[in-house]
Protein backbone atom coordinates (compact mmCIF):
# COMPACT_ATOMS: atom_id res chain seq x y z
CA MET A 1 -23.79 -25.69 29.77
CA LYS A 2 -20.33 -26.59 29.85
CA LYS A 3 -17.70 -24.59 31.39
CA LYS A 4 -14.50 -23.69 28.87
CA PHE A 5 -11.49 -24.69 30.74
CA ARG A 6 -8.80 -22.28 31.32
CA PRO A 7 -5.26 -23.12 32.39
CA LEU A 8 -3.98 -21.37 35.54
CA PRO A 9 -1.71 -18.09 34.51
CA LEU A 10 1.65 -18.85 35.31
CA PRO A 11 3.82 -17.21 37.75
CA ALA A 12 5.53 -14.14 36.60
CA ARG A 13 9.17 -15.44 36.61
CA ALA A 14 8.51 -18.56 34.70
CA ARG A 15 6.04 -16.61 32.09
CA ALA A 16 8.99 -14.18 31.50
CA LYS A 17 11.48 -17.03 30.78
CA GLN A 18 9.07 -19.18 28.17
CA LYS A 19 10.15 -19.15 24.72
CA LEU A 20 8.21 -17.80 21.99
CA LYS A 21 8.36 -18.86 18.43
CA ARG A 22 7.15 -16.66 15.46
CA HIS A 23 6.19 -18.63 12.44
CA PRO A 24 6.04 -16.98 8.72
CA PRO A 25 2.85 -16.58 7.01
CA SER A 26 1.47 -19.58 5.42
CA GLY A 27 1.96 -19.69 1.84
CA THR A 28 5.58 -19.03 1.68
CA SER A 29 8.15 -21.60 0.61
CA HIS A 30 10.61 -23.38 2.88
CA ALA A 31 13.50 -21.50 1.63
CA GLN A 32 11.76 -18.16 2.68
CA GLN A 33 10.71 -19.34 6.09
CA MET A 34 12.51 -18.15 9.10
CA VAL A 35 11.55 -18.99 12.48
CA TYR A 36 13.15 -16.97 15.10
CA THR A 37 13.06 -18.37 18.82
CA TYR A 38 12.09 -15.50 21.05
CA THR A 39 13.82 -15.68 24.82
CA LYS A 40 12.97 -13.55 27.75
CA ASN A 41 15.11 -12.49 30.70
CA ASP A 42 13.90 -12.16 34.13
CA ASN A 43 12.93 -8.31 33.36
CA GLY A 44 10.54 -9.49 30.76
CA HIS A 45 12.88 -8.16 27.88
CA PHE A 46 13.71 -10.28 24.73
CA VAL A 47 17.27 -11.35 24.89
CA CYS A 48 19.47 -11.99 21.38
CA PRO A 49 20.97 -15.51 21.47
CA HIS A 50 24.01 -14.41 19.44
CA CYS A 51 25.12 -11.16 21.00
CA GLY A 52 22.96 -10.97 24.41
CA VAL A 53 21.51 -7.49 23.17
CA THR A 54 18.37 -6.88 24.89
CA GLU A 55 15.09 -5.32 23.70
CA GLU A 56 11.81 -4.53 24.97
CA ASN A 57 9.88 -5.43 21.83
CA GLN A 58 9.60 -8.69 20.02
CA ASN A 59 9.66 -6.58 16.51
CA THR A 60 12.52 -4.65 17.62
CA MET A 61 14.36 -8.15 18.60
CA HIS A 62 12.95 -9.54 15.10
CA TYR A 63 14.88 -6.98 13.16
CA HIS A 64 17.85 -7.26 15.13
CA LEU A 65 17.95 -11.36 14.62
CA LYS A 66 17.27 -10.87 10.75
CA ARG A 67 20.85 -8.40 10.71
CA HIS A 68 22.43 -11.63 12.22
CA ASP A 69 21.04 -13.61 9.42
CA ASN A 70 22.26 -10.97 7.00
CA ASN A 71 18.60 -10.74 5.74
CA PHE A 72 18.63 -7.49 4.26
CA ASN A 73 15.94 -8.07 1.57
CA CYS A 74 15.59 -4.33 0.41
CA VAL A 75 18.29 -3.53 -2.56
CA CYS A 76 18.79 -0.18 -4.01
CA LYS A 77 18.80 -0.33 -7.68
CA HIS A 78 20.99 2.86 -7.72
CA CYS A 79 23.72 1.12 -5.51
CA GLU A 80 24.87 -1.49 -3.56
CA TYR A 81 23.10 -0.27 -0.30
CA LYS A 82 20.74 -3.14 1.29
CA CYS A 83 18.37 -2.95 4.45
CA GLN A 84 15.51 -4.62 6.06
CA SER A 85 12.49 -2.80 5.18
CA GLN A 86 10.94 -0.65 2.35
CA SER A 87 10.53 2.41 4.56
CA ALA A 88 14.43 2.69 5.30
CA LEU A 89 14.96 2.09 1.60
CA LYS A 90 12.88 5.12 0.61
CA VAL A 91 14.60 7.21 3.10
CA HIS A 92 17.83 5.98 1.47
CA ILE A 93 16.85 6.76 -2.06
CA ALA A 94 15.58 10.34 -0.86
CA ALA A 95 19.11 11.19 0.64
CA LYS A 96 21.48 9.22 -1.66
CA HIS A 97 19.81 9.64 -4.73
CA PRO A 98 17.36 12.55 -4.80
CA GLN A 99 17.71 13.00 -8.48
CA THR A 100 15.74 9.88 -9.54
CA GLU A 101 12.32 9.54 -9.89
CA GLU A 102 11.68 7.44 -6.97
CA ALA A 103 12.78 10.14 -4.70
CA LYS A 104 10.32 12.70 -5.92
CA GLY A 105 7.94 13.67 -3.50
CA THR A 106 9.52 12.20 -0.60
CA PRO A 107 8.23 14.53 2.45
CA VAL A 108 11.07 16.61 4.10
CA LEU A 109 10.30 17.50 7.68
CA LYS A 110 11.25 20.78 9.06
CA CYS A 111 11.88 21.99 12.67
CA PRO A 112 8.77 23.74 13.51
CA CYS A 113 10.95 26.66 15.22
CA ASN A 114 11.08 30.02 13.66
CA GLY A 115 14.13 30.93 12.14
CA CYS A 116 15.58 27.22 12.29
CA THR A 117 16.81 25.78 9.21
CA PHE A 118 16.91 22.10 10.32
CA GLN A 119 15.15 19.62 7.97
CA THR A 120 15.39 15.57 7.63
CA LEU A 121 13.57 12.55 5.92
CA THR A 122 12.89 11.08 9.35
CA ARG A 123 10.42 11.65 12.12
CA GLY A 124 12.68 10.30 14.52
CA ASN A 125 15.51 12.66 13.60
CA ARG A 126 13.50 15.80 14.02
CA ILE A 127 12.38 14.85 17.43
CA ILE A 128 15.75 14.65 18.37
CA HIS A 129 16.71 17.54 17.09
CA PHE A 130 14.26 19.44 18.67
CA VAL A 131 15.10 17.91 22.02
CA ARG A 132 18.81 18.76 21.43
CA LYS A 133 18.47 22.14 20.18
CA HIS A 134 15.22 23.84 21.58
CA CYS A 135 14.75 21.95 24.81
CA SER A 136 18.23 21.57 25.83
CA GLN A 137 17.95 22.96 29.49
CA GLU A 138 15.15 20.62 30.31
CA ALA A 139 16.74 17.71 28.76
CA ASN A 140 20.24 18.19 30.52
CA ALA A 141 18.28 18.63 33.69
CA LEU A 142 17.01 14.84 33.21
CA MET A 143 20.13 13.52 32.11
CA ASN A 144 22.51 11.95 34.67
CA PRO A 145 25.71 10.46 33.12
CA GLY A 146 27.21 7.89 34.59
CA PRO A 147 29.44 4.34 34.13
CA ASN A 148 26.41 2.28 32.41
CA GLY A 149 25.40 5.12 29.92
CA ILE A 150 22.98 7.83 30.66
CA GLU A 151 20.36 7.85 33.35
CA CYS A 152 17.07 9.26 33.21
CA ARG A 153 16.52 11.14 36.49
CA SER A 154 12.66 11.45 35.93
CA CYS A 155 12.33 7.46 35.44
CA LYS A 156 15.60 6.05 36.09
CA LYS A 157 15.88 4.36 32.64
CA ASN A 158 19.48 3.85 31.37
CA PHE A 159 20.43 4.77 27.76
CA ALA A 160 23.74 3.56 25.88
CA SER A 161 23.79 6.81 23.94
CA SER A 162 23.01 10.61 24.28
CA THR A 163 20.48 10.20 20.84
CA SER A 164 18.62 7.36 22.32
CA PHE A 165 18.47 9.39 25.53
CA LEU A 166 17.23 12.27 24.14
CA TYR A 167 14.39 10.53 22.17
CA HIS A 168 13.31 8.83 25.39
CA ALA A 169 13.64 12.32 26.98
CA THR A 170 10.16 13.36 25.30
CA ASN A 171 8.38 11.18 27.39
CA CYS A 172 9.46 12.58 30.61
CA ILE A 173 10.61 16.19 29.70
CA GLN A 174 8.55 19.30 31.62
CA VAL A 175 8.47 22.18 28.95
CA LYS A 176 6.97 24.86 30.86
CA GLU A 177 6.70 27.65 28.07
CA PRO A 178 3.28 27.15 26.21
CA ALA A 179 4.52 27.89 22.98
CA ARG A 180 7.38 25.58 22.59
CA LEU A 181 5.34 22.71 24.45
CA ARG A 182 2.71 22.91 21.86
CA LEU A 183 5.36 22.55 18.97
CA LEU A 184 6.95 19.45 21.01
CA GLN A 185 3.47 17.77 21.12
CA GLY A 186 2.89 18.73 17.04
CA ILE A 187 5.69 17.02 16.32
CA LEU A 188 5.24 13.98 18.51
CA THR A 189 2.01 13.54 17.05
CA ALA A 190 2.65 14.57 13.46
CA THR A 191 2.99 11.90 10.78
CA ALA A 192 4.64 14.11 8.28
CA ASN A 193 4.82 18.03 7.82
């Protein structure tokens, strides 16, 4: 019986610095092909070669690099708006062209709190609203503003904006009141309401 040869794993530092390439699916023309080279730093984050921005996920870095290439392949037929994804285009059409046929049936996400009239087209905006307005004491207890942005007191991660911090806060927030905790868990797991 032959044994399969497995290369020894690289040390963590060498593995973090290796470059990854993503190739387009077969069947695409040369003009459609975009090959991005992804580089990781010592922390294992992907680094943009154009501006130095770092991202934890390769997918997020992919869309970031597409912005540098002005690769906005989704175009609104009602105005001059361009974006990178069909989902962003759907949200744009529902928000800016609600009278159109494409906008009909787009789900509006409402805040689950009684008496709150907030509604939005995106799940992320609903989460941020809920934390900002209905869990403000808990979120403020986690927020530690500093010279490098906002640090989460629970996990020590830094954030450039209060919006990104609030979205993150759902991972670290301690909501003691059972009713609000259920509402928060509901909007975090719901795809649309």
